[in-house]
């Protein structure tokens, strides 16, 4: 029970310091890079977005960008570190 409480506190602390506006700006930049074929650049911007607001969809997009860039070791590393 105690470890569950600590996990909840950690999530709440991360959300308290989140910067959703910056995350959305970086995610928009990432999508633009992906549209123009710069998938490694998109992955980097999604990582910046995740650093600003640690939402699961943002870290997932990092892995997807690496996967689409055929950088499978990095794509797999994201799935391992996010578990």
Protein backbone atom coordinates (compact mmCIF):
# COMPACT_ATOMS: atom_id res chain seq x y z
CA UNK A 1 0.00 0.00 0.00
CA UNK A 2 2.81 2.38 0.87
CA UNK A 3 4.54 2.06 -2.54
CA UNK A 4 1.21 2.82 -4.22
CA UNK A 5 0.89 5.99 -2.17
CA UNK A 6 4.42 7.02 -3.10
CA UNK A 7 3.68 6.47 -6.79
CA UNK A 8 0.61 8.68 -6.57
CA UNK A 9 2.62 11.39 -4.82
CA UNK A 10 5.30 11.21 -7.52
CA UNK A 11 2.70 11.57 -10.27
CA UNK A 12 1.06 14.50 -8.52
CA UNK A 13 4.43 16.20 -8.00
CA UNK A 14 5.26 15.80 -11.69
CA UNK A 15 1.89 17.25 -12.68
CA UNK A 16 2.35 20.16 -10.27
CA UNK A 17 5.54 21.23 -12.05
CA UNK A 18 4.21 20.54 -15.56
CA UNK A 19 4.19 23.28 -18.17
CA UNK A 20 1.39 22.31 -20.59
CA UNK A 21 1.76 25.43 -22.75
CA UNK A 22 5.43 24.73 -23.44
CA UNK A 23 4.66 21.06 -24.03
CA UNK A 24 1.99 21.93 -26.60
CA UNK A 25 4.36 24.33 -28.37
CA UNK A 26 7.12 21.71 -28.54
CA UNK A 27 4.63 19.04 -29.68
CA UNK A 28 3.44 21.34 -32.49
CA UNK A 29 7.07 21.88 -33.54
CA UNK A 30 7.59 18.10 -33.45
CA UNK A 31 4.55 17.49 -35.66
CA UNK A 32 5.81 20.09 -38.13
CA UNK A 33 9.21 18.39 -38.29
CA UNK A 34 7.57 15.00 -38.78
CA UNK A 35 5.44 16.41 -41.60
CA UNK A 36 8.61 17.61 -43.31
CA UNK A 37 10.36 14.24 -42.90
CA UNK A 38 12.66 15.17 -40.01
CA UNK A 39 11.72 12.25 -37.77
CA UNK A 40 14.82 12.38 -35.51
CA UNK A 41 14.14 16.10 -35.03
CA UNK A 42 10.51 15.32 -34.25
CA UNK A 43 11.60 12.77 -31.66
CA UNK A 44 13.84 15.38 -30.02
CA UNK A 45 11.00 17.93 -29.89
CA UNK A 46 8.57 15.35 -28.48
CA UNK A 47 11.19 14.58 -25.81
CA UNK A 48 11.34 18.30 -24.97
CA UNK A 49 7.55 18.35 -24.77
CA UNK A 50 7.64 15.37 -22.41
CA UNK A 51 10.24 17.11 -20.24
CA UNK A 52 7.90 20.10 -19.94
CA UNK A 53 4.80 17.99 -19.22
CA UNK A 54 5.38 14.28 -18.56
CA UNK A 55 2.30 12.91 -20.33
CA UNK A 56 2.37 9.34 -21.65
CA UNK A 57 1.26 10.37 -25.15
CA UNK A 58 4.33 12.57 -25.56
CA UNK A 59 6.87 9.89 -24.64
CA UNK A 60 4.94 7.46 -26.85
CA UNK A 61 5.34 9.90 -29.75
CA UNK A 62 9.11 9.91 -29.17
CA UNK A 63 9.15 6.16 -29.70
CA UNK A 64 6.86 6.35 -32.72
CA UNK A 65 9.07 8.98 -34.38
CA UNK A 66 12.15 6.81 -33.85
CA UNK A 67 10.25 3.77 -35.12
CA UNK A 68 9.16 5.58 -38.28
CA UNK A 69 12.75 6.77 -38.75
CA UNK A 70 13.75 3.09 -38.59
CA UNK A 71 15.92 3.82 -35.54
CA UNK A 72 14.65 0.71 -33.79
CA UNK A 73 17.18 0.60 -30.91
CA UNK A 74 16.08 4.07 -29.79
CA UNK A 75 12.41 3.27 -30.34
CA UNK A 76 12.78 0.16 -28.21
CA UNK A 77 14.73 2.04 -25.52
CA UNK A 78 11.78 4.40 -25.13
CA UNK A 79 9.38 1.51 -24.58
CA UNK A 80 11.72 -0.01 -21.98
CA UNK A 81 12.33 3.25 -20.10
CA UNK A 82 8.64 4.16 -20.08
CA UNK A 83 7.64 0.86 -18.43
